[in-house]
């Protein structure tokens, strides 16, 4: 099934830049969202985490300057 899903994703995302930055994860979605502290999968979430799993930032919803600044601070903290 992974082959079918991967090929479907490849053919469904026409923009090569978007396709290059897309990853298909074969995981338990409920466990993944719980581990990231997400309430649902109905909105965009950006999470910055350390390799050890410590969540440094979590921004939900549409783009905002405030959210972008929070993500930027978190990314700079892990460099």
PDB file of N, CA and C in Angstrom:
ATOM      1  N   UNK A   1       0.812  -1.209   0.000  1.00  0.00           N
ATOM      2  CA  UNK A   1       0.000   0.000   0.000  1.00  0.00           C
ATOM      3  C   UNK A   1       0.856   1.274   0.000  1.00  0.00           C
ATOM      4  N   UNK A   2       2.007   1.218   0.628  1.00  0.00           N
ATOM      5  CA  UNK A   2       2.862   2.409   0.677  1.00  0.00           C
ATOM      6  C   UNK A   2       3.226   2.879  -0.722  1.00  0.00           C
ATOM      7  N   UNK A   3       3.532   1.934  -1.614  1.00  0.00           N
ATOM      8  CA  UNK A   3       3.879   2.284  -2.985  1.00  0.00           C
ATOM      9  C   UNK A   3       2.738   3.045  -3.643  1.00  0.00           C
ATOM     10  N   UNK A   4       1.526   2.573  -3.469  1.00  0.00           N
ATOM     11  CA  UNK A   4       0.345   3.222  -4.060  1.00  0.00           C
ATOM     12  C   UNK A   4       0.138   4.610  -3.460  1.00  0.00           C
ATOM     13  N   UNK A   5       0.252   4.706  -2.143  1.00  0.00           N
ATOM     14  CA  UNK A   5       0.070   6.000  -1.473  1.00  0.00           C
ATOM     15  C   UNK A   5       1.160   6.974  -1.896  1.00  0.00           C
ATOM     16  N   UNK A   6       2.411   6.519  -1.897  1.00  0.00           N
ATOM     17  CA  UNK A   6       3.522   7.399  -2.289  1.00  0.00           C
ATOM     18  C   UNK A   6       3.362   7.906  -3.713  1.00  0.00           C
ATOM     19  N   UNK A   7       3.010   7.031  -4.625  1.00  0.00           N
ATOM     20  CA  UNK A   7       2.808   7.457  -6.016  1.00  0.00           C
ATOM     21  C   UNK A   7       1.611   8.387  -6.148  1.00  0.00           C
ATOM     22  N   UNK A   8       0.559   8.135  -5.389  1.00  0.00           N
ATOM     23  CA  UNK A   8      -0.599   9.034  -5.402  1.00  0.00           C
ATOM     24  C   UNK A   8      -0.240  10.411  -4.896  1.00  0.00           C
ATOM     25  N   UNK A   9       0.570  10.475  -3.836  1.00  0.00           N
ATOM     26  CA  UNK A   9       1.020  11.762  -3.301  1.00  0.00           C
ATOM     27  C   UNK A   9       1.890  12.484  -4.328  1.00  0.00           C
ATOM     28  N   UNK A  10       2.816  11.753  -4.951  1.00  0.00           N
ATOM     29  CA  UNK A  10       3.698  12.355  -5.950  1.00  0.00           C
ATOM     30  C   UNK A  10       2.905  12.941  -7.113  1.00  0.00           C
ATOM     31  N   UNK A  11       1.937  12.189  -7.599  1.00  0.00           N
ATOM     32  CA  UNK A  11       1.174  12.674  -8.752  1.00  0.00           C
ATOM     33  C   UNK A  11       0.157  13.735  -8.356  1.00  0.00           C
ATOM     34  N   UNK A  12      -0.263  13.746  -7.101  1.00  0.00           N
ATOM     35  CA  UNK A  12      -1.262  14.717  -6.653  1.00  0.00           C
ATOM     36  C   UNK A  12      -0.706  16.081  -6.322  1.00  0.00           C
ATOM     37  N   UNK A  13       0.597  16.163  -6.067  1.00  0.00           N
ATOM     38  CA  UNK A  13       1.246  17.437  -5.737  1.00  0.00           C
ATOM     39  C   UNK A  13       2.060  17.860  -6.953  1.00  0.00           C
ATOM     40  N   UNK A  14       1.493  18.746  -7.747  1.00  0.00           N
ATOM     41  CA  UNK A  14       2.118  19.150  -9.010  1.00  0.00           C
ATOM     42  C   UNK A  14       3.330  20.062  -8.822  1.00  0.00           C
ATOM     43  N   UNK A  15       3.286  20.936  -7.827  1.00  0.00           N
ATOM     44  CA  UNK A  15       4.363  21.893  -7.589  1.00  0.00           C
ATOM     45  C   UNK A  15       5.591  21.146  -7.057  1.00  0.00           C
ATOM     46  N   UNK A  16       6.710  21.206  -7.790  1.00  0.00           N
ATOM     47  CA  UNK A  16       7.892  20.442  -7.398  1.00  0.00           C
ATOM     48  C   UNK A  16       8.484  20.908  -6.065  1.00  0.00           C
ATOM     49  N   UNK A  17       8.412  22.192  -5.775  1.00  0.00           N
ATOM     50  CA  UNK A  17       8.933  22.691  -4.495  1.00  0.00           C
ATOM     51  C   UNK A  17       8.073  22.174  -3.340  1.00  0.00           C
ATOM     52  N   UNK A  18       6.765  22.193  -3.519  1.00  0.00           N
ATOM     53  CA  UNK A  18       5.870  21.672  -2.484  1.00  0.00           C
ATOM     54  C   UNK A  18       6.082  20.169  -2.311  1.00  0.00           C
ATOM     55  N   UNK A  19       6.253  19.478  -3.412  1.00  0.00           N
ATOM     56  CA  UNK A  19       6.456  18.033  -3.347  1.00  0.00           C
ATOM     57  C   UNK A  19       7.779  17.711  -2.645  1.00  0.00           C
ATOM     58  N   UNK A  20       8.799  18.507  -2.889  1.00  0.00           N
ATOM     59  CA  UNK A  20      10.103  18.280  -2.265  1.00  0.00           C
ATOM     60  C   UNK A  20      10.076  18.487  -0.760  1.00  0.00           C
ATOM     61  N   UNK A  21       9.119  19.267  -0.281  1.00  0.00           N
ATOM     62  CA  UNK A  21       9.045  19.533   1.159  1.00  0.00           C
ATOM     63  C   UNK A  21       7.881  18.804   1.823  1.00  0.00           C
ATOM     64  N   UNK A  22       7.364  17.786   1.162  1.00  0.00           N
ATOM     65  CA  UNK A  22       6.258  16.999   1.703  1.00  0.00           C
ATOM     66  C   UNK A  22       6.768  15.627   2.108  1.00  0.00           C
ATOM     67  N   UNK A  23       6.322  15.166   3.263  1.00  0.00           N
ATOM     68  CA  UNK A  23       6.722  13.852   3.743  1.00  0.00           C
ATOM     69  C   UNK A  23       5.458  13.055   4.072  1.00  0.00           C
ATOM     70  N   UNK A  24       5.469  11.803   3.700  1.00  0.00           N
ATOM     71  CA  UNK A  24       4.370  10.907   4.057  1.00  0.00           C
ATOM     72  C   UNK A  24       4.826  10.095   5.257  1.00  0.00           C
ATOM     73  N   UNK A  25       4.063  10.149   6.329  1.00  0.00           N
ATOM     74  CA  UNK A  25       4.397   9.405   7.539  1.00  0.00           C
ATOM     75  C   UNK A  25       3.419   8.261   7.715  1.00  0.00           C
ATOM     76  N   UNK A  26       3.937   7.085   7.990  1.00  0.00           N
ATOM     77  CA  UNK A  26       3.109   5.910   8.250  1.00  0.00           C
ATOM     78  C   UNK A  26       3.136   5.682   9.755  1.00  0.00           C
ATOM     79  N   UNK A  27       2.231   6.381  10.439  1.00  0.00           N
ATOM     80  CA  UNK A  27       2.246   6.389  11.898  1.00  0.00           C
ATOM     81  C   UNK A  27       0.828   6.283  12.442  1.00  0.00           C
ATOM     82  N   UNK A  28       0.741   6.127  13.738  1.00  0.00           N
ATOM     83  CA  UNK A  28      -0.531   6.187  14.440  1.00  0.00           C
ATOM     84  C   UNK A  28      -0.842   7.674  14.653  1.00  0.00           C
ATOM     85  N   UNK A  29      -1.809   8.197  13.915  1.00  0.00           N
ATOM     86  CA  UNK A  29      -2.101   9.639  13.938  1.00  0.00           C
ATOM     87  C   UNK A  29      -2.522  10.095  15.335  1.00  0.00           C
ATOM     88  N   UNK A  30      -3.325   9.321  16.019  1.00  0.00           N
ATOM     89  CA  UNK A  30      -3.764   9.713  17.360  1.00  0.00           C
ATOM     90  C   UNK A  30      -2.586   9.820  18.321  1.00  0.00           C
ATOM     91  N   UNK A  31      -1.673   8.878  18.270  1.00  0.00           N
ATOM     92  CA  UNK A  31      -0.489   8.911  19.136  1.00  0.00           C
ATOM     93  C   UNK A  31       0.405  10.100  18.768  1.00  0.00           C
ATOM     94  N   UNK A  32       0.559  10.355  17.483  1.00  0.00           N
ATOM     95  CA  UNK A  32       1.377  11.470  17.007  1.00  0.00           C
ATOM     96  C   UNK A  32       0.812  12.804  17.483  1.00  0.00           C
ATOM     97  N   UNK A  33      -0.480  13.016  17.299  1.00  0.00           N
ATOM     98  CA  UNK A  33      -1.088  14.283  17.722  1.00  0.00           C
ATOM     99  C   UNK A  33      -1.051  14.429  19.241  1.00  0.00           C
ATOM    100  N   UNK A  34      -1.242  13.332  19.967  1.00  0.00           N
ATOM    101  CA  UNK A  34      -1.165  13.380  21.430  1.00  0.00           C
ATOM    102  C   UNK A  34       0.245  13.772  21.878  1.00  0.00           C
ATOM    103  N   UNK A  35       1.268  13.150  21.269  1.00  0.00           N
ATOM    104  CA  UNK A  35       2.656  13.431  21.646  1.00  0.00           C
ATOM    105  C   UNK A  35       3.039  14.885  21.372  1.00  0.00           C
ATOM    106  N   UNK A  36       2.452  15.477  20.341  1.00  0.00           N
ATOM    107  CA  UNK A  36       2.747  16.877  20.004  1.00  0.00           C
ATOM    108  C   UNK A  36       1.840  17.867  20.719  1.00  0.00           C
ATOM    109  N   UNK A  37       0.877  17.350  21.467  1.00  0.00           N
ATOM    110  CA  UNK A  37      -0.031  18.240  22.186  1.00  0.00           C
ATOM    111  C   UNK A  37      -1.042  18.916  21.286  1.00  0.00           C
ATOM    112  N   UNK A  38      -1.402  18.260  20.187  1.00  0.00           N
ATOM    113  CA  UNK A  38      -2.370  18.823  19.248  1.00  0.00           C
ATOM    114  C   UNK A  38      -3.758  18.283  19.567  1.00  0.00           C
ATOM    115  N   UNK A  39      -4.755  19.142  19.519  1.00  0.00           N
ATOM    116  CA  UNK A  39      -6.115  18.713  19.822  1.00  0.00           C
ATOM    117  C   UNK A  39      -6.773  17.999  18.655  1.00  0.00           C
ATOM    118  N   UNK A  40      -6.387  18.346  17.435  1.00  0.00           N
ATOM    119  CA  UNK A  40      -6.981  17.714  16.262  1.00  0.00           C
ATOM    120  C   UNK A  40      -6.050  17.884  15.072  1.00  0.00           C
ATOM    121  N   UNK A  41      -6.486  17.405  13.926  1.00  0.00           N
ATOM    122  CA  UNK A  41      -5.697  17.536  12.701  1.00  0.00           C
ATOM    123  C   UNK A  41      -6.403  18.431  11.684  1.00  0.00           C
ATOM    124  N   UNK A  42      -7.309  19.251  12.162  1.00  0.00           N
ATOM    125  CA  UNK A  42      -8.115  20.075  11.267  1.00  0.00           C
ATOM    126  C   UNK A  42      -7.515  21.433  10.961  1.00  0.00           C
ATOM    127  N   UNK A  43      -6.413  21.777  11.628  1.00  0.00           N
ATOM    128  CA  UNK A  43      -5.772  23.049  11.329  1.00  0.00           C
ATOM    129  C   UNK A  43      -4.266  22.850  11.234  1.00  0.00           C
ATOM    130  N   UNK A  44      -3.615  23.790  10.619  1.00  0.00           N
ATOM    131  CA  UNK A  44      -2.174  23.740  10.440  1.00  0.00           C
ATOM    132  C   UNK A  44      -1.500  23.863  11.802  1.00  0.00           C
ATOM    133  N   UNK A  45      -0.462  23.062  12.004  1.00  0.00           N
ATOM    134  CA  UNK A  45       0.331  23.143  13.228  1.00  0.00           C
ATOM    135  C   UNK A  45       1.798  23.130  12.848  1.00  0.00           C
ATOM    136  N   UNK A  46       2.562  24.034  13.451  1.00  0.00           N
ATOM    137  CA  UNK A  46       4.012  24.037  13.296  1.00  0.00           C
ATOM    138  C   UNK A  46       4.591  23.780  14.674  1.00  0.00           C
ATOM    139  N   UNK A  47       5.394  22.734  14.768  1.00  0.00           N
ATOM    140  CA  UNK A  47       5.978  22.343  16.047  1.00  0.00           C
ATOM    141  C   UNK A  47       7.484  22.275  15.878  1.00  0.00           C
ATOM    142  N   UNK A  48       8.207  22.899  16.802  1.00  0.00           N
ATOM    143  CA  UNK A  48       9.663  22.798  16.837  1.00  0.00           C
ATOM    144  C   UNK A  48      10.007  21.952  18.053  1.00  0.00           C
ATOM    145  N   UNK A  49      10.704  20.848  17.801  1.00  0.00           N
ATOM    146  CA  UNK A  49      11.067  19.936  18.887  1.00  0.00           C
ATOM    147  C   UNK A  49      12.548  19.594  18.796  1.00  0.00           C
ATOM    148  N   UNK A  50      13.135  19.297  19.936  1.00  0.00           N
ATOM    149  CA  UNK A  50      14.526  18.857  19.974  1.00  0.00           C
ATOM    150  C   UNK A  50      14.573  17.382  19.578  1.00  0.00           C
ATOM    151  N   UNK A  51      15.762  16.876  19.250  1.00  0.00           N
ATOM    152  CA  UNK A  51      15.876  15.447  18.948  1.00  0.00           C
ATOM    153  C   UNK A  51      15.414  14.557  20.109  1.00  0.00           C
ATOM    154  N   UNK A  52      15.487  15.075  21.318  1.00  0.00           N
ATOM    155  CA  UNK A  52      15.045  14.318  22.495  1.00  0.00           C
ATOM    156  C   UNK A  52      13.531  14.366  22.690  1.00  0.00           C
ATOM    157  N   UNK A  53      12.849  15.168  21.882  1.00  0.00           N
ATOM    158  CA  UNK A  53      11.393  15.240  21.969  1.00  0.00           C
ATOM    159  C   UNK A  53      10.837  16.401  22.776  1.00  0.00           C
ATOM    160  N   UNK A  54      11.701  17.282  23.266  1.00  0.00           N
ATOM    161  CA  UNK A  54      11.230  18.457  24.001  1.00  0.00           C
ATOM    162  C   UNK A  54      10.624  19.444  23.008  1.00  0.00           C
ATOM    163  N   UNK A  55       9.396  19.851  23.254  1.00  0.00           N
ATOM    164  CA  UNK A  55       8.724  20.794  22.365  1.00  0.00           C
ATOM    165  C   UNK A  55       9.103  22.212  22.770  1.00  0.00           C
ATOM    166  N   UNK A  56       9.737  22.918  21.841  1.00  0.00           N
ATOM    167  CA  UNK A  56      10.191  24.284  22.098  1.00  0.00           C
ATOM    168  C   UNK A  56       9.172  25.325  21.659  1.00  0.00           C
ATOM    169  N   UNK A  57       8.357  24.996  20.674  1.00  0.00           N
ATOM    170  CA  UNK A  57       7.327  25.921  20.196  1.00  0.00           C
ATOM    171  C   UNK A  57       6.226  25.128  19.509  1.00  0.00           C
ATOM    172  N   UNK A  58       5.006  25.628  19.652  1.00  0.00           N
ATOM    173  CA  UNK A  58       3.847  25.038  18.984  1.00  0.00           C
ATOM    174  C   UNK A  58       2.939  26.189  18.565  1.00  0.00           C
ATOM    175  N   UNK A  59       2.747  26.346  17.273  1.00  0.00           N
ATOM    176  CA  UNK A  59       1.911  27.425  16.748  1.00  0.00           C
ATOM    177  C   UNK A  59       0.803  26.790  15.911  1.00  0.00           C
ATOM    178  N   UNK A  60      -0.420  27.173  16.175  1.00  0.00           N
ATOM    179  CA  UNK A  60      -1.574  26.603  15.490  1.00  0.00           C
ATOM    180  C   UNK A  60      -2.239  27.665  14.617  1.00  0.00           C
ATOM    181  N   UNK A  61      -2.841  27.202  13.524  1.00  0.00           N
ATOM    182  CA  UNK A  61      -3.654  28.087  12.691  1.00  0.00           C
ATOM    183  C   UNK A  61      -2.893  28.747  11.567  1.00  0.00           C
ATOM    184  N   UNK A  62      -3.522  29.739  11.014  1.00  0.00           N
ATOM    185  CA  UNK A  62      -2.981  30.449   9.858  1.00  0.00           C
ATOM    186  C   UNK A  62      -1.735  31.249  10.236  1.00  0.00           C
ATOM    187  N   UNK A  63      -0.970  31.624   9.224  1.00  0.00           N
ATOM    188  CA  UNK A  63       0.250  32.404   9.421  1.00  0.00           C
ATOM    189  C   UNK A  63      -0.043  33.706  10.139  1.00  0.00           C
ATOM    190  N   UNK A  64       0.845  34.040  11.061  1.00  0.00           N
ATOM    191  CA  UNK A  64       0.813  35.353  11.712  1.00  0.00           C
ATOM    192  C   UNK A  64       2.248  35.755  12.010  1.00  0.00           C
ATOM    193  N   UNK A  65       2.490  37.038  12.102  1.00  0.00           N
ATOM    194  CA  UNK A  65       3.824  37.534  12.448  1.00  0.00           C
ATOM    195  C   UNK A  65       4.234  37.026  13.826  1.00  0.00           C
ATOM    196  N   UNK A  66       3.299  36.999  14.758  1.00  0.00           N
ATOM    197  CA  UNK A  66       3.587  36.530  16.115  1.00  0.00           C
ATOM    198  C   UNK A  66       4.005  35.066  16.095  1.00  0.00           C
ATOM    199  N   UNK A  67       3.261  34.247  15.377  1.00  0.00           N
ATOM    200  CA  UNK A  67       3.592  32.828  15.271  1.00  0.00           C
ATOM    201  C   UNK A  67       4.930  32.609  14.599  1.00  0.00           C
ATOM    202  N   UNK A  68       5.190  33.359  13.535  1.00  0.00           N
ATOM    203  CA  UNK A  68       6.466  33.240  12.831  1.00  0.00           C
ATOM    204  C   UNK A  68       7.625  33.608  13.736  1.00  0.00           C
ATOM    205  N   UNK A  69       7.458  34.640  14.546  1.00  0.00           N
ATOM    206  CA  UNK A  69       8.509  35.063  15.470  1.00  0.00           C
ATOM    207  C   UNK A  69       8.754  33.985  16.532  1.00  0.00           C
ATOM    208  N   UNK A  70       7.695  33.353  17.000  1.00  0.00           N
ATOM    209  CA  UNK A  70       7.831  32.285  17.999  1.00  0.00           C
ATOM    210  C   UNK A  70       8.599  31.095  17.420  1.00  0.00           C
ATOM    211  N   UNK A  71       8.259  30.709  16.203  1.00  0.00           N
ATOM    212  CA  UNK A  71       8.951  29.599  15.548  1.00  0.00           C
ATOM    213  C   UNK A  71      10.418  29.966  15.296  1.00  0.00           C
ATOM    214  N   UNK A  72      10.668  31.180  14.852  1.00  0.00           N
ATOM    215  CA  UNK A  72      12.035  31.633  14.592  1.00  0.00           C
ATOM    216  C   UNK A  72      12.874  31.593  15.865  1.00  0.00           C
ATOM    217  N   UNK A  73      12.318  32.063  16.975  1.00  0.00           N
ATOM    218  CA  UNK A  73      13.044  32.033  18.258  1.00  0.00           C
ATOM    219  C   UNK A  73      13.383  30.599  18.641  1.00  0.00           C
ATOM    220  N   UNK A  74      12.417  29.695  18.470  1.00  0.00           N
ATOM    221  CA  UNK A  74      12.641  28.294  18.836  1.00  0.00           C
ATOM    222  C   UNK A  74      13.703  27.652  17.952  1.00  0.00           C
ATOM    223  N   UNK A  75      13.662  27.942  16.656  1.00  0.00           N
ATOM    224  CA  UNK A  75      14.671  27.385  15.746  1.00  0.00           C
ATOM    225  C   UNK A  75      16.064  27.903  16.082  1.00  0.00           C
ATOM    226  N   UNK A  76      16.158  29.161  16.440  1.00  0.00           N
ATOM    227  CA  UNK A  76      17.458  29.732  16.812  1.00  0.00           C
ATOM    228  C   UNK A  76      17.967  29.106  18.111  1.00  0.00           C
ATOM    229  N   UNK A  77      17.071  28.682  18.981  1.00  0.00           N
ATOM    230  CA  UNK A  77      17.463  28.079  20.258  1.00  0.00           C
ATOM    231  C   UNK A  77      18.096  26.706  20.056  1.00  0.00           C
ATOM    232  N   UNK A  78      17.740  26.007  18.986  1.00  0.00           N
ATOM    233  CA  UNK A  78      18.283  24.660  18.779  1.00  0.00           C
ATOM    234  C   UNK A  78      19.530  24.661  17.894  1.00  0.00           C
ATOM    235  N   UNK A  79      19.930  25.789  17.408  1.00  0.00           N
ATOM    236  CA  UNK A  79      21.137  25.870  16.557  1.00  0.00           C
ATOM    237  C   UNK A  79      22.386  25.857  17.367  1.00  0.00           C
TER     238      UNK A  79
END
